[in-house]
């Protein structure tokens, strides 16, 4: 739940303290390279951040590149957060979204149907605010629309954050065929199938599907 002071109303965006017991615990190793923001937008009243916590299962194929993050919303009216999971390969779509935003076009990211989606609507004139929309498409179906007076150069700032994230957490797993994975740039590699063990026979099932709890199905 979003927390508000007694004079304000509440909304249904899930708060991290209200997570189901089935929510996966982030292993301590996921923090070995530190935490940082991938998205950091704010004005004098409102802020939206996508705060990266690290890898969900570091050192384990095929989900080594699965990231855990939190969308954190803060305004004078409401504040709260919700958990997000995505693969490092999804950062290519975020880079494309930044290209669209730089050209004044609206953009959406993480529209996978199994977790929060982030949509940014560009201001139509100098008198308008941009809108950051966050929708929990899988669990509560809650939506939050945050108006924001972004400053010139905000897209370039988000691109610098993206570049820092890519340097800190490079993609280290490659898919050799549908359902089969191996480490990139490592000697004596062992190829694994969808359940993480050696796979002499390659599975035809892809592993890039997540349920709302961030678990591979």
C-alpha atoms as a PDB file:
ATOM      1  CA  UNK A   1       0.000   0.000   0.000  1.00  0.00           C
ATOM      2  CA  UNK A   2       1.089   3.570  -0.543  1.00  0.00           C
ATOM      3  CA  UNK A   3       1.648   5.424   2.697  1.00  0.00           C
ATOM      4  CA  UNK A   4       0.101   8.842   3.237  1.00  0.00           C
ATOM      5  CA  UNK A   5      -0.225  11.266   6.097  1.00  0.00           C
ATOM      6  CA  UNK A   6      -3.601  11.285   7.948  1.00  0.00           C
ATOM      7  CA  UNK A   7      -4.939  14.134   5.826  1.00  0.00           C
ATOM      8  CA  UNK A   8      -4.462  12.251   2.562  1.00  0.00           C
ATOM      9  CA  UNK A   9      -6.121   9.320   0.879  1.00  0.00           C
ATOM     10  CA  UNK A  10      -4.462   6.000   0.070  1.00  0.00           C
ATOM     11  CA  UNK A  11      -4.169   4.063  -3.161  1.00  0.00           C
ATOM     12  CA  UNK A  12      -3.628   0.424  -4.092  1.00  0.00           C
ATOM     13  CA  UNK A  13      -0.083   0.428  -5.459  1.00  0.00           C
ATOM     14  CA  UNK A  14       1.550  -2.438  -3.478  1.00  0.00           C
ATOM     15  CA  UNK A  15       4.171  -1.523  -0.884  1.00  0.00           C
ATOM     16  CA  UNK A  16       7.175  -3.752  -0.363  1.00  0.00           C
ATOM     17  CA  UNK A  17       6.172  -4.397   3.266  1.00  0.00           C
ATOM     18  CA  UNK A  18       2.944  -6.020   2.088  1.00  0.00           C
ATOM     19  CA  UNK A  19       4.555  -8.646  -0.128  1.00  0.00           C
ATOM     20  CA  UNK A  20       3.267 -12.179  -0.077  1.00  0.00           C
ATOM     21  CA  UNK A  21       5.406 -14.715   1.824  1.00  0.00           C
ATOM     22  CA  UNK A  22       5.931 -16.404  -1.534  1.00  0.00           C
ATOM     23  CA  UNK A  23       7.864 -13.379  -2.826  1.00  0.00           C
ATOM     24  CA  UNK A  24      11.410 -14.529  -3.676  1.00  0.00           C
ATOM     25  CA  UNK A  25      14.150 -13.374  -1.320  1.00  0.00           C
ATOM     26  CA  UNK A  26      17.021 -11.575  -3.000  1.00  0.00           C
ATOM     27  CA  UNK A  27      20.244 -13.463  -2.197  1.00  0.00           C
ATOM     28  CA  UNK A  28      22.950 -11.425  -0.457  1.00  0.00           C
ATOM     29  CA  UNK A  29      25.246 -11.879  -3.467  1.00  0.00           C
ATOM     30  CA  UNK A  30      22.825  -9.777  -5.522  1.00  0.00           C
ATOM     31  CA  UNK A  31      24.229  -6.723  -3.757  1.00  0.00           C
ATOM     32  CA  UNK A  32      27.905  -7.455  -4.402  1.00  0.00           C
ATOM     33  CA  UNK A  33      28.232  -4.630  -6.946  1.00  0.00           C
ATOM     34  CA  UNK A  34      26.116  -2.098  -5.100  1.00  0.00           C
ATOM     35  CA  UNK A  35      22.752  -0.551  -5.758  1.00  0.00           C
ATOM     36  CA  UNK A  36      21.947   2.220  -8.222  1.00  0.00           C
ATOM     37  CA  UNK A  37      19.137   3.872 -10.132  1.00  0.00           C
ATOM     38  CA  UNK A  38      18.280   3.048 -13.721  1.00  0.00           C
ATOM     39  CA  UNK A  39      15.555   5.722 -13.841  1.00  0.00           C
ATOM     40  CA  UNK A  40      15.649   8.870 -11.734  1.00  0.00           C
ATOM     41  CA  UNK A  41      13.067  11.558 -12.522  1.00  0.00           C
ATOM     42  CA  UNK A  42      12.028  14.385 -10.227  1.00  0.00           C
ATOM     43  CA  UNK A  43      10.829  17.956  -9.950  1.00  0.00           C
ATOM     44  CA  UNK A  44      10.105  20.145  -6.942  1.00  0.00           C
ATOM     45  CA  UNK A  45       7.110  18.026  -5.882  1.00  0.00           C
ATOM     46  CA  UNK A  46       7.290  14.534  -7.379  1.00  0.00           C
ATOM     47  CA  UNK A  47       9.824  11.804  -8.041  1.00  0.00           C
ATOM     48  CA  UNK A  48       9.910   8.408  -9.743  1.00  0.00           C
ATOM     49  CA  UNK A  49      12.873   6.056  -9.522  1.00  0.00           C
ATOM     50  CA  UNK A  50      13.640   2.570 -10.745  1.00  0.00           C
ATOM     51  CA  UNK A  51      16.129   1.439  -8.118  1.00  0.00           C
ATOM     52  CA  UNK A  52      18.184  -1.651  -8.978  1.00  0.00           C
ATOM     53  CA  UNK A  53      18.965  -4.093  -6.168  1.00  0.00           C
ATOM     54  CA  UNK A  54      21.071  -6.533  -8.190  1.00  0.00           C
ATOM     55  CA  UNK A  55      20.883  -9.966  -9.759  1.00  0.00           C
ATOM     56  CA  UNK A  56      18.167 -12.281  -8.475  1.00  0.00           C
ATOM     57  CA  UNK A  57      20.247 -15.491  -8.669  1.00  0.00           C
ATOM     58  CA  UNK A  58      23.886 -14.520  -9.287  1.00  0.00           C
ATOM     59  CA  UNK A  59      26.100 -17.323 -10.571  1.00  0.00           C
ATOM     60  CA  UNK A  60      23.212 -19.610 -11.514  1.00  0.00           C
ATOM     61  CA  UNK A  61      22.217 -20.419 -15.087  1.00  0.00           C
ATOM     62  CA  UNK A  62      19.976 -19.548 -16.809  1.00  0.00           C
ATOM     63  CA  UNK A  63      18.676 -16.742 -14.539  1.00  0.00           C
ATOM     64  CA  UNK A  64      22.007 -15.099 -13.666  1.00  0.00           C
ATOM     65  CA  UNK A  65      21.009 -12.047 -15.751  1.00  0.00           C
ATOM     66  CA  UNK A  66      17.606 -11.671 -14.052  1.00  0.00           C
ATOM     67  CA  UNK A  67      17.557  -8.333 -12.214  1.00  0.00           C
ATOM     68  CA  UNK A  68      15.557  -7.266  -9.169  1.00  0.00           C
ATOM     69  CA  UNK A  69      14.460  -3.653  -8.840  1.00  0.00           C
ATOM     70  CA  UNK A  70      11.903  -1.436  -7.159  1.00  0.00           C
ATOM     71  CA  UNK A  71       9.757   1.297  -8.647  1.00  0.00           C
ATOM     72  CA  UNK A  72       9.714   4.030  -5.989  1.00  0.00           C
ATOM     73  CA  UNK A  73       7.174   6.855  -6.208  1.00  0.00           C
ATOM     74  CA  UNK A  74       7.337   9.920  -4.002  1.00  0.00           C
ATOM     75  CA  UNK A  75       5.030  12.953  -4.093  1.00  0.00           C
ATOM     76  CA  UNK A  76       3.592  15.480  -1.668  1.00  0.00           C
ATOM     77  CA  UNK A  77       0.432  13.400  -1.830  1.00  0.00           C
ATOM     78  CA  UNK A  78       1.449   9.719  -1.868  1.00  0.00           C
ATOM     79  CA  UNK A  79       4.557   7.560  -1.678  1.00  0.00           C
ATOM     80  CA  UNK A  80       5.225   3.864  -2.157  1.00  0.00           C
ATOM     81  CA  UNK A  81       7.067   1.171  -4.069  1.00  0.00           C
ATOM     82  CA  UNK A  82       6.599  -2.110  -5.911  1.00  0.00           C
ATOM     83  CA  UNK A  83       9.000  -4.865  -6.939  1.00  0.00           C
ATOM     84  CA  UNK A  84      10.063  -5.347 -10.575  1.00  0.00           C
ATOM     85  CA  UNK A  85      11.949  -8.186 -12.307  1.00  0.00           C
ATOM     86  CA  UNK A  86      13.537  -8.018 -15.747  1.00  0.00           C
ATOM     87  CA  UNK A  87      16.398  -9.541 -17.738  1.00  0.00           C
ATOM     88  CA  UNK A  88      19.420  -7.435 -18.631  1.00  0.00           C
ATOM     89  CA  UNK A  89      18.556  -8.002 -22.288  1.00  0.00           C
ATOM     90  CA  UNK A  90      15.425  -5.876 -21.675  1.00  0.00           C
ATOM     91  CA  UNK A  91      17.684  -2.843 -21.332  1.00  0.00           C
ATOM     92  CA  UNK A  92      17.871  -2.727 -25.125  1.00  0.00           C
ATOM     93  CA  UNK A  93      14.156  -1.862 -25.148  1.00  0.00           C
ATOM     94  CA  UNK A  94      14.751   0.857 -22.549  1.00  0.00           C
ATOM     95  CA  UNK A  95      17.479   2.323 -24.764  1.00  0.00           C
ATOM     96  CA  UNK A  96      15.012   2.359 -27.676  1.00  0.00           C
ATOM     97  CA  UNK A  97      12.428   4.017 -25.426  1.00  0.00           C
ATOM     98  CA  UNK A  98      14.919   6.768 -24.600  1.00  0.00           C
ATOM     99  CA  UNK A  99      15.450   7.320 -28.332  1.00  0.00           C
ATOM    100  CA  UNK A 100      11.702   7.831 -28.737  1.00  0.00           C
ATOM    101  CA  UNK A 101      11.513  10.194 -25.756  1.00  0.00           C
ATOM    102  CA  UNK A 102      14.411  12.212 -27.127  1.00  0.00           C
ATOM    103  CA  UNK A 103      12.348  12.735 -30.287  1.00  0.00           C
ATOM    104  CA  UNK A 104       9.317  13.877 -28.276  1.00  0.00           C
ATOM    105  CA  UNK A 105       7.441  10.578 -28.622  1.00  0.00           C
ATOM    106  CA  UNK A 106       5.740   8.714 -25.796  1.00  0.00           C
ATOM    107  CA  UNK A 107       7.408   5.477 -24.722  1.00  0.00           C
ATOM    108  CA  UNK A 108       6.571   2.377 -22.703  1.00  0.00           C
ATOM    109  CA  UNK A 109       8.863  -0.165 -21.084  1.00  0.00           C
ATOM    110  CA  UNK A 110       8.443  -3.580 -19.415  1.00  0.00           C
ATOM    111  CA  UNK A 111       5.089  -4.148 -21.058  1.00  0.00           C
ATOM    112  CA  UNK A 112       5.328  -7.919 -20.611  1.00  0.00           C
ATOM    113  CA  UNK A 113       1.916  -8.508 -19.021  1.00  0.00           C
ATOM    114  CA  UNK A 114       3.392 -10.051 -15.870  1.00  0.00           C
ATOM    115  CA  UNK A 115       4.475  -7.070 -13.771  1.00  0.00           C
ATOM    116  CA  UNK A 116       4.577  -3.272 -13.492  1.00  0.00           C
ATOM    117  CA  UNK A 117       4.722  -1.321 -16.746  1.00  0.00           C
ATOM    118  CA  UNK A 118       6.329   2.115 -16.988  1.00  0.00           C
ATOM    119  CA  UNK A 119       4.976   4.600 -19.516  1.00  0.00           C
ATOM    120  CA  UNK A 120       6.258   8.145 -20.064  1.00  0.00           C
ATOM    121  CA  UNK A 121       4.078  10.631 -21.935  1.00  0.00           C
ATOM    122  CA  UNK A 122       5.940  13.684 -23.185  1.00  0.00           C
ATOM    123  CA  UNK A 123       4.665  17.189 -22.523  1.00  0.00           C
ATOM    124  CA  UNK A 124       2.697  18.558 -25.494  1.00  0.00           C
ATOM    125  CA  UNK A 125       3.702  22.180 -24.872  1.00  0.00           C
ATOM    126  CA  UNK A 126       5.961  24.250 -22.645  1.00  0.00           C
ATOM    127  CA  UNK A 127       3.015  24.771 -20.291  1.00  0.00           C
ATOM    128  CA  UNK A 128       2.298  21.053 -19.873  1.00  0.00           C
ATOM    129  CA  UNK A 129       3.877  18.464 -17.601  1.00  0.00           C
ATOM    130  CA  UNK A 130       5.150  15.097 -18.701  1.00  0.00           C
ATOM    131  CA  UNK A 131       3.268  12.142 -17.246  1.00  0.00           C
ATOM    132  CA  UNK A 132       4.938   9.070 -15.750  1.00  0.00           C
ATOM    133  CA  UNK A 133       2.377   6.262 -15.578  1.00  0.00           C
ATOM    134  CA  UNK A 134       3.009   3.067 -13.614  1.00  0.00           C
ATOM    135  CA  UNK A 135       0.572   0.190 -13.959  1.00  0.00           C
ATOM    136  CA  UNK A 136       0.703  -3.088 -12.058  1.00  0.00           C
ATOM    137  CA  UNK A 137      -0.665  -5.344 -14.803  1.00  0.00           C
ATOM    138  CA  UNK A 138      -0.354  -8.665 -12.977  1.00  0.00           C
ATOM    139  CA  UNK A 139      -1.268  -8.317  -9.321  1.00  0.00           C
ATOM    140  CA  UNK A 140      -3.310  -5.418  -7.956  1.00  0.00           C
ATOM    141  CA  UNK A 141      -4.113  -3.765 -11.331  1.00  0.00           C
ATOM    142  CA  UNK A 142      -3.358  -0.452  -9.609  1.00  0.00           C
ATOM    143  CA  UNK A 143      -2.268   2.570 -11.624  1.00  0.00           C
ATOM    144  CA  UNK A 144      -0.352   5.689 -10.660  1.00  0.00           C
ATOM    145  CA  UNK A 145      -0.064   8.792 -12.848  1.00  0.00           C
ATOM    146  CA  UNK A 146       2.652  11.205 -11.762  1.00  0.00           C
ATOM    147  CA  UNK A 147       2.818  14.635 -13.464  1.00  0.00           C
ATOM    148  CA  UNK A 148       6.336  16.005 -13.674  1.00  0.00           C
ATOM    149  CA  UNK A 149       7.991  19.156 -14.962  1.00  0.00           C
ATOM    150  CA  UNK A 150      11.129  17.517 -16.329  1.00  0.00           C
ATOM    151  CA  UNK A 151      14.053  19.813 -17.078  1.00  0.00           C
ATOM    152  CA  UNK A 152      15.987  20.073 -20.363  1.00  0.00           C
ATOM    153  CA  UNK A 153      18.504  17.295 -20.729  1.00  0.00           C
ATOM    154  CA  UNK A 154      16.545  14.778 -18.656  1.00  0.00           C
ATOM    155  CA  UNK A 155      16.700  12.107 -21.376  1.00  0.00           C
ATOM    156  CA  UNK A 156      20.486  12.399 -21.561  1.00  0.00           C
ATOM    157  CA  UNK A 157      20.655  11.963 -17.788  1.00  0.00           C
ATOM    158  CA  UNK A 158      18.632   8.741 -18.013  1.00  0.00           C
ATOM    159  CA  UNK A 159      20.933   7.523 -20.791  1.00  0.00           C
ATOM    160  CA  UNK A 160      23.976   8.103 -18.578  1.00  0.00           C
ATOM    161  CA  UNK A 161      22.305   6.059 -15.845  1.00  0.00           C
ATOM    162  CA  UNK A 162      21.657   3.278 -18.369  1.00  0.00           C
ATOM    163  CA  UNK A 163      25.289   3.285 -19.477  1.00  0.00           C
ATOM    164  CA  UNK A 164      26.439   3.017 -15.860  1.00  0.00           C
ATOM    165  CA  UNK A 165      24.092   0.072 -15.237  1.00  0.00           C
ATOM    166  CA  UNK A 166      25.319  -1.738 -18.365  1.00  0.00           C
ATOM    167  CA  UNK A 167      28.929  -1.302 -17.246  1.00  0.00           C
ATOM    168  CA  UNK A 168      28.140  -2.540 -13.734  1.00  0.00           C
ATOM    169  CA  UNK A 169      25.968  -5.492 -14.732  1.00  0.00           C
ATOM    170  CA  UNK A 170      26.962  -6.690 -18.219  1.00  0.00           C
ATOM    171  CA  UNK A 171      25.075  -9.510 -19.883  1.00  0.00           C
ATOM    172  CA  UNK A 172      26.967 -12.692 -18.976  1.00  0.00           C
ATOM    173  CA  UNK A 173      24.607 -15.425 -20.202  1.00  0.00           C
ATOM    174  CA  UNK A 174      23.946 -16.293 -23.816  1.00  0.00           C
ATOM    175  CA  UNK A 175      21.218 -18.478 -25.303  1.00  0.00           C
ATOM    176  CA  UNK A 176      22.729 -21.012 -27.697  1.00  0.00           C
ATOM    177  CA  UNK A 177      19.368 -22.407 -28.804  1.00  0.00           C
ATOM    178  CA  UNK A 178      15.797 -22.209 -27.504  1.00  0.00           C
ATOM    179  CA  UNK A 179      15.971 -23.279 -23.846  1.00  0.00           C
ATOM    180  CA  UNK A 180      19.775 -23.811 -23.729  1.00  0.00           C
ATOM    181  CA  UNK A 181      22.214 -21.343 -22.172  1.00  0.00           C
ATOM    182  CA  UNK A 182      25.913 -20.912 -21.425  1.00  0.00           C
ATOM    183  CA  UNK A 183      28.242 -18.305 -19.967  1.00  0.00           C
ATOM    184  CA  UNK A 184      29.661 -15.637 -22.261  1.00  0.00           C
ATOM    185  CA  UNK A 185      33.459 -15.338 -22.532  1.00  0.00           C
ATOM    186  CA  UNK A 186      34.242 -18.219 -20.164  1.00  0.00           C
ATOM    187  CA  UNK A 187      36.410 -21.260 -20.771  1.00  0.00           C
ATOM    188  CA  UNK A 188      35.288 -24.826 -20.000  1.00  0.00           C
ATOM    189  CA  UNK A 189      31.648 -23.846 -20.193  1.00  0.00           C
ATOM    190  CA  UNK A 190      28.849 -26.254 -19.338  1.00  0.00           C
ATOM    191  CA  UNK A 191      25.668 -25.736 -21.287  1.00  0.00           C
ATOM    192  CA  UNK A 192      22.470 -25.950 -19.240  1.00  0.00           C
ATOM    193  CA  UNK A 193      18.820 -26.496 -20.047  1.00  0.00           C
ATOM    194  CA  UNK A 194      15.740 -24.799 -18.663  1.00  0.00           C
ATOM    195  CA  UNK A 195      16.092 -26.383 -15.188  1.00  0.00           C
ATOM    196  CA  UNK A 196      19.701 -25.319 -14.681  1.00  0.00           C
ATOM    197  CA  UNK A 197      21.414 -28.715 -15.086  1.00  0.00           C
ATOM    198  CA  UNK A 198      23.605 -30.041 -17.904  1.00  0.00           C
ATOM    199  CA  UNK A 199      21.553 -30.501 -21.027  1.00  0.00           C
ATOM    200  CA  UNK A 200      22.809 -33.072 -23.531  1.00  0.00           C
ATOM    201  CA  UNK A 201      19.476 -32.658 -25.312  1.00  0.00           C
ATOM    202  CA  UNK A 202      18.468 -29.107 -25.938  1.00  0.00           C
ATOM    203  CA  UNK A 203      15.023 -28.160 -24.730  1.00  0.00           C
ATOM    204  CA  UNK A 204      12.631 -26.403 -27.080  1.00  0.00           C
ATOM    205  CA  UNK A 205      11.071 -24.413 -24.232  1.00  0.00           C
ATOM    206  CA  UNK A 206      12.265 -20.862 -23.692  1.00  0.00           C
ATOM    207  CA  UNK A 207      13.012 -19.643 -20.158  1.00  0.00           C
ATOM    208  CA  UNK A 208      12.250 -15.947 -20.501  1.00  0.00           C
ATOM    209  CA  UNK A 209       8.759 -16.119 -18.964  1.00  0.00           C
ATOM    210  CA  UNK A 210       8.300 -14.724 -15.450  1.00  0.00           C
ATOM    211  CA  UNK A 211       5.339 -15.045 -13.175  1.00  0.00           C
ATOM    212  CA  UNK A 212       4.377 -12.044 -10.994  1.00  0.00           C
ATOM    213  CA  UNK A 213       6.775 -13.249  -8.271  1.00  0.00           C
ATOM    214  CA  UNK A 214       9.806 -13.042 -10.535  1.00  0.00           C
ATOM    215  CA  UNK A 215      10.095 -16.812 -10.915  1.00  0.00           C
ATOM    216  CA  UNK A 216      10.964 -18.416 -14.247  1.00  0.00           C
ATOM    217  CA  UNK A 217       8.229 -20.678 -15.564  1.00  0.00           C
END
